[in-house]
């Protein structure tokens, strides 16, 4: 039997500060997607989907509200028998005042998997969040998935480290702005091509104050072709079935750089002019 991954993306516009309302919207979205497409392996929501993006000094209090909203999402994951990827602010369990921009995976049995903490913080995010210290993989429906958040996708090291550790799928939850959405499109295709991986990319819709978000949520094949896309900045959902067997035939072909890597050379300092 071919190995496949049935994936849905929810390009929503969370309301800043309305954690309970955002959670209910997410629950309704999962139920709607399950009804429309049948069994799913994964539903992906945007970066900081539970709280909104521009929380600034409110993120500390919003993080407590986000925790309180998780049981409803856990029950929904269990009812639909699906993994949910949910962006939220995460308090450090031991160090007061330390907070991360995190991605939580809720398993089909409702269990909470360890959070991925965003490694590459973008501009003012560094004023409110601590940076994560490691990349993280997850097992989802027979696929090894590398987790990422927004600005991570701009760094080849993120995708390459995940691929070398066994990832066949790269997942990105984002709040990418509309003026630079062309960068987003290009970077997603680059990460797919150079690693021979599927890329599942969920960006948010809508706006917060002067911030306009770009949408363009999409699924990119291991050869860099866009399989499915929401090519606007409006709310919407996306569904696709990923052929996981395709990764093996592509990854070490002429179409990806993995086969021809020279790690021993990369470790050397470039020779002088």
Protein backbone atom coordinates (compact mmCIF):
# COMPACT_ATOMS: atom_id res chain seq x y z
CA UNK A 1 0.00 0.00 0.00
CA UNK A 2 1.35 3.46 -0.86
CA UNK A 3 2.11 5.64 2.14
CA UNK A 4 0.14 8.88 2.13
CA UNK A 5 -0.49 11.80 4.47
CA UNK A 6 -3.89 13.50 4.39
CA UNK A 7 -3.31 17.13 5.31
CA UNK A 8 -5.53 20.19 5.78
CA UNK A 9 -4.42 23.80 6.25
CA UNK A 10 -6.57 26.43 7.98
CA UNK A 11 -5.64 29.92 6.78
CA UNK A 12 -7.56 31.82 9.44
CA UNK A 13 -7.40 35.34 10.88
CA UNK A 14 -7.17 34.98 14.68
CA UNK A 15 -8.58 37.83 16.72
CA UNK A 16 -5.88 39.41 18.87
CA UNK A 17 -6.53 38.64 22.54
CA UNK A 18 -9.69 36.57 22.00
CA UNK A 19 -8.23 33.21 23.00
CA UNK A 20 -11.55 31.51 23.79
CA UNK A 21 -13.09 32.73 20.54
CA UNK A 22 -10.06 31.67 18.50
CA UNK A 23 -10.16 28.21 20.07
CA UNK A 24 -13.85 27.78 19.25
CA UNK A 25 -13.19 28.88 15.68
CA UNK A 26 -10.41 26.31 15.39
CA UNK A 27 -12.63 23.57 16.80
CA UNK A 28 -15.37 24.40 14.30
CA UNK A 29 -12.80 24.41 11.48
CA UNK A 30 -11.54 20.95 12.36
CA UNK A 31 -15.07 19.58 12.45
CA UNK A 32 -15.88 21.20 9.11
CA UNK A 33 -12.72 19.83 7.49
CA UNK A 34 -13.39 16.36 8.85
CA UNK A 35 -16.91 16.47 7.47
CA UNK A 36 -15.77 17.70 4.06
CA UNK A 37 -12.75 15.46 3.50
CA UNK A 38 -13.21 12.44 5.75
CA UNK A 39 -10.34 11.07 7.85
CA UNK A 40 -7.35 13.39 8.17
CA UNK A 41 -3.85 12.89 9.52
CA UNK A 42 -3.07 16.55 10.21
CA UNK A 43 -4.68 19.98 10.42
CA UNK A 44 -2.29 22.96 10.59
CA UNK A 45 -3.10 26.40 12.02
CA UNK A 46 -0.99 29.58 11.78
CA UNK A 47 1.68 30.96 14.09
CA UNK A 48 0.21 32.19 17.40
CA UNK A 49 -3.24 31.13 16.18
CA UNK A 50 -4.67 30.90 19.68
CA UNK A 51 -3.79 34.45 20.75
CA UNK A 52 -3.15 36.56 17.69
CA UNK A 53 0.28 37.73 16.60
CA UNK A 54 0.93 41.22 17.97
CA UNK A 55 0.38 40.55 21.69
CA UNK A 56 3.62 42.20 22.85
CA UNK A 57 3.59 42.66 26.65
CA UNK A 58 0.22 40.88 26.87
CA UNK A 59 1.71 37.56 25.78
CA UNK A 60 2.42 36.55 29.38
CA UNK A 61 -1.24 36.72 30.40
CA UNK A 62 -2.38 35.37 27.03
CA UNK A 63 -0.18 32.31 27.48
CA UNK A 64 -2.18 31.31 30.56
CA UNK A 65 -5.42 31.71 28.60
CA UNK A 66 -3.97 29.58 25.82
CA UNK A 67 -3.27 26.75 28.25
CA UNK A 68 -6.83 26.95 29.51
CA UNK A 69 -8.13 26.58 25.95
CA UNK A 70 -6.17 23.41 25.19
CA UNK A 71 -8.60 20.82 26.66
CA UNK A 72 -11.23 21.73 24.08
CA UNK A 73 -8.73 21.31 21.26
CA UNK A 74 -7.49 18.05 22.75
CA UNK A 75 -11.03 16.69 22.79
CA UNK A 76 -11.52 17.81 19.20
CA UNK A 77 -8.32 16.06 18.09
CA UNK A 78 -9.50 12.92 19.86
CA UNK A 79 -13.00 13.08 18.35
CA UNK A 80 -11.65 13.62 14.83
CA UNK A 81 -8.69 11.27 15.32
CA UNK A 82 -6.32 13.84 13.85
CA UNK A 83 -3.09 15.64 14.72
CA UNK A 84 -3.47 19.38 15.26
CA UNK A 85 -0.57 21.82 14.86
CA UNK A 86 -1.38 24.90 16.95
CA UNK A 87 0.66 28.08 17.40
CA UNK A 88 0.67 29.70 20.85
CA UNK A 89 2.87 31.58 23.35
CA UNK A 90 4.45 29.17 25.83
CA UNK A 91 5.71 30.02 29.32
CA UNK A 92 8.93 28.37 30.43
CA UNK A 93 7.88 25.84 33.10
CA UNK A 94 10.63 26.87 35.55
CA UNK A 95 11.92 30.34 34.67
CA UNK A 96 9.44 33.12 35.40
CA UNK A 97 9.05 35.76 32.72
CA UNK A 98 10.54 33.58 29.96
CA UNK A 99 8.13 32.98 27.09
CA UNK A 100 8.47 31.32 23.68
CA UNK A 101 6.74 31.56 20.32
CA UNK A 102 5.84 27.88 20.10
CA UNK A 103 4.13 25.27 17.96
CA UNK A 104 2.20 22.57 19.79
CA UNK A 105 1.27 19.23 18.27
CA UNK A 106 -1.85 17.60 19.71
CA UNK A 107 -2.03 13.88 18.94
CA UNK A 108 -5.14 11.97 17.80
CA UNK A 109 -5.53 10.55 21.31
CA UNK A 110 -5.55 14.10 22.70
CA UNK A 111 -2.04 13.89 24.14
CA UNK A 112 0.17 16.99 24.02
CA UNK A 113 3.52 16.48 22.32
CA UNK A 114 6.60 18.52 23.31
CA UNK A 115 6.41 22.03 21.87
CA UNK A 116 8.72 23.35 19.19
CA UNK A 117 10.09 26.73 20.25
CA UNK A 118 10.85 29.12 17.41
CA UNK A 119 14.60 29.31 16.90
CA UNK A 120 14.80 32.26 14.48
CA UNK A 121 12.91 35.22 15.91
CA UNK A 122 12.06 38.07 13.54
CA UNK A 123 12.86 41.67 14.47
CA UNK A 124 10.61 42.88 17.36
CA UNK A 125 9.73 39.31 18.34
CA UNK A 126 13.09 39.31 20.10
CA UNK A 127 11.71 41.88 22.57
CA UNK A 128 8.99 39.55 23.81
CA UNK A 129 10.16 35.98 23.24
CA UNK A 130 13.19 33.90 24.15
CA UNK A 131 14.71 32.04 21.22
CA UNK A 132 14.41 28.27 21.01
CA UNK A 133 17.57 26.21 21.30
CA UNK A 134 16.84 23.15 19.15
CA UNK A 135 14.92 21.92 16.13
CA UNK A 136 12.26 19.28 16.63
CA UNK A 137 10.84 16.34 14.68
CA UNK A 138 7.45 14.67 15.07
CA UNK A 139 5.91 11.42 13.82
CA UNK A 140 2.61 12.05 12.05
CA UNK A 141 0.77 9.30 10.21
CA UNK A 142 3.91 7.43 9.13
CA UNK A 143 5.85 10.59 8.20
CA UNK A 144 8.76 12.16 10.03
CA UNK A 145 8.00 15.87 10.11
CA UNK A 146 10.36 18.76 10.83
CA UNK A 147 8.57 21.57 12.67
CA UNK A 148 9.18 25.25 11.96
CA UNK A 149 7.66 28.67 12.55
CA UNK A 150 7.64 31.55 10.06
CA UNK A 151 11.12 33.11 9.85
CA UNK A 152 12.72 29.67 10.30
CA UNK A 153 11.95 29.00 6.64
CA UNK A 154 14.43 31.71 5.62
CA UNK A 155 17.31 29.61 6.98
CA UNK A 156 18.54 26.64 4.90
CA UNK A 157 20.03 25.20 8.09
CA UNK A 158 16.55 24.55 9.49
CA UNK A 159 15.38 22.45 6.57
CA UNK A 160 18.71 20.69 6.08
CA UNK A 161 19.08 19.74 9.74
CA UNK A 162 15.55 18.30 9.73
CA UNK A 163 16.11 16.38 6.49
CA UNK A 164 19.42 14.93 7.66
CA UNK A 165 17.68 13.78 10.85
CA UNK A 166 15.13 11.87 8.77
CA UNK A 167 12.34 14.34 8.00
CA UNK A 168 10.45 13.73 4.77
CA UNK A 169 8.01 16.58 5.44
CA UNK A 170 8.70 20.15 6.60
CA UNK A 171 5.84 21.93 8.38
CA UNK A 172 5.74 25.71 8.79
CA UNK A 173 3.17 27.71 10.77
CA UNK A 174 3.49 31.39 10.01
CA UNK A 175 2.34 35.00 10.32
CA UNK A 176 4.19 36.30 7.24
CA UNK A 177 3.39 39.83 6.12
CA UNK A 178 1.79 40.68 2.80
CA UNK A 179 4.44 43.11 1.44
CA UNK A 180 7.09 40.35 1.37
CA UNK A 181 4.89 37.40 0.45
CA UNK A 182 6.99 36.80 -2.66
CA UNK A 183 9.91 35.89 -0.39
CA UNK A 184 7.67 33.39 1.40
CA UNK A 185 6.70 31.69 -1.86
CA UNK A 186 10.31 31.43 -3.03
CA UNK A 187 11.73 30.22 0.27
CA UNK A 188 9.17 27.43 0.57
CA UNK A 189 10.07 26.09 -2.86
CA UNK A 190 13.79 26.34 -2.10
CA UNK A 191 13.47 24.36 1.13
CA UNK A 192 11.51 21.66 -0.72
CA UNK A 193 13.95 21.37 -3.62
CA UNK A 194 17.19 21.37 -1.66
CA UNK A 195 15.97 18.72 0.78
CA UNK A 196 13.69 16.60 -1.40
CA UNK A 197 10.92 17.13 1.19
CA UNK A 198 7.25 17.90 1.08
CA UNK A 199 6.56 21.35 2.57
CA UNK A 200 3.29 22.11 4.38
CA UNK A 201 3.05 25.86 4.94
CA UNK A 202 0.21 27.57 6.80
CA UNK A 203 0.25 31.36 6.85
CA UNK A 204 -2.40 33.49 8.49
CA UNK A 205 -4.95 35.80 6.91
CA UNK A 206 -6.29 39.19 7.95
CA UNK A 207 -4.59 42.07 9.72
CA UNK A 208 -3.76 43.44 13.16
CA UNK A 209 -3.39 47.22 13.32
CA UNK A 210 -0.90 48.21 10.63
CA UNK A 211 0.16 44.58 10.06
CA UNK A 212 -1.31 42.98 6.96
CA UNK A 213 -0.70 39.26 6.60
CA UNK A 214 -0.14 37.61 3.25
CA UNK A 215 -1.87 34.24 3.27
CA UNK A 216 -0.51 32.10 0.41
CA UNK A 217 -0.74 28.93 2.48
CA UNK A 218 0.43 26.06 0.29
CA UNK A 219 1.73 22.55 -0.10
CA UNK A 220 4.91 22.13 -2.12
CA UNK A 221 6.13 18.84 -3.60
CA UNK A 222 9.67 17.49 -3.06
CA UNK A 223 10.55 18.81 -6.54
CA UNK A 224 9.43 22.34 -5.66
CA UNK A 225 6.12 22.34 -7.52
CA UNK A 226 3.13 23.90 -5.79
CA UNK A 227 0.57 21.12 -5.39
CA UNK A 228 -2.11 23.31 -3.80
CA UNK A 229 -2.27 26.95 -2.73
CA UNK A 230 -4.59 29.59 -1.32
CA UNK A 231 -3.18 32.34 -3.53
CA UNK A 232 -4.66 35.27 -1.63
CA UNK A 233 -4.68 36.78 1.86
CA UNK A 234 -8.28 35.82 2.68
CA UNK A 235 -9.46 33.15 5.08
CA UNK A 236 -9.82 29.67 3.63
CA UNK A 237 -8.86 26.04 3.92
CA UNK A 238 -6.74 23.72 1.83
CA UNK A 239 -6.66 19.92 1.56
CA UNK A 240 -4.18 17.60 -0.13
CA UNK A 241 -3.01 14.02 0.01
CA UNK A 242 0.78 13.69 0.06
CA UNK A 243 2.52 10.72 -1.56
CA UNK A 244 5.23 9.92 0.98
CA UNK A 245 6.79 7.27 -1.25
CA UNK A 246 7.71 10.00 -3.73
CA UNK A 247 10.33 11.33 -1.31
CA UNK A 248 12.51 8.25 -1.56
CA UNK A 249 12.68 8.35 -5.35
CA UNK A 250 13.41 12.09 -5.45
CA UNK A 251 15.65 12.67 -2.46
CA UNK A 252 18.80 11.13 -3.93
CA UNK A 253 18.07 11.86 -7.58
CA UNK A 254 19.60 14.58 -9.73
CA UNK A 255 16.91 16.97 -8.46
CA UNK A 256 18.12 17.50 -4.91
CA UNK A 257 21.43 18.52 -3.37
CA UNK A 258 21.37 15.91 -0.63
CA UNK A 259 23.15 13.26 -2.69
CA UNK A 260 26.12 15.46 -3.64
CA UNK A 261 26.82 17.13 -0.30
CA UNK A 262 30.47 17.58 0.83
CA UNK A 263 30.31 17.96 4.64
CA UNK A 264 34.08 17.70 5.06
CA UNK A 265 34.56 20.75 2.82
CA UNK A 266 31.81 22.74 4.56
CA UNK A 267 33.58 22.32 7.89
CA UNK A 268 36.67 24.14 6.60
CA UNK A 269 37.18 27.87 6.65
CA UNK A 270 37.21 29.13 3.03
CA UNK A 271 40.70 29.70 1.67
CA UNK A 272 41.79 33.31 1.42
CA UNK A 273 41.89 35.35 -1.81
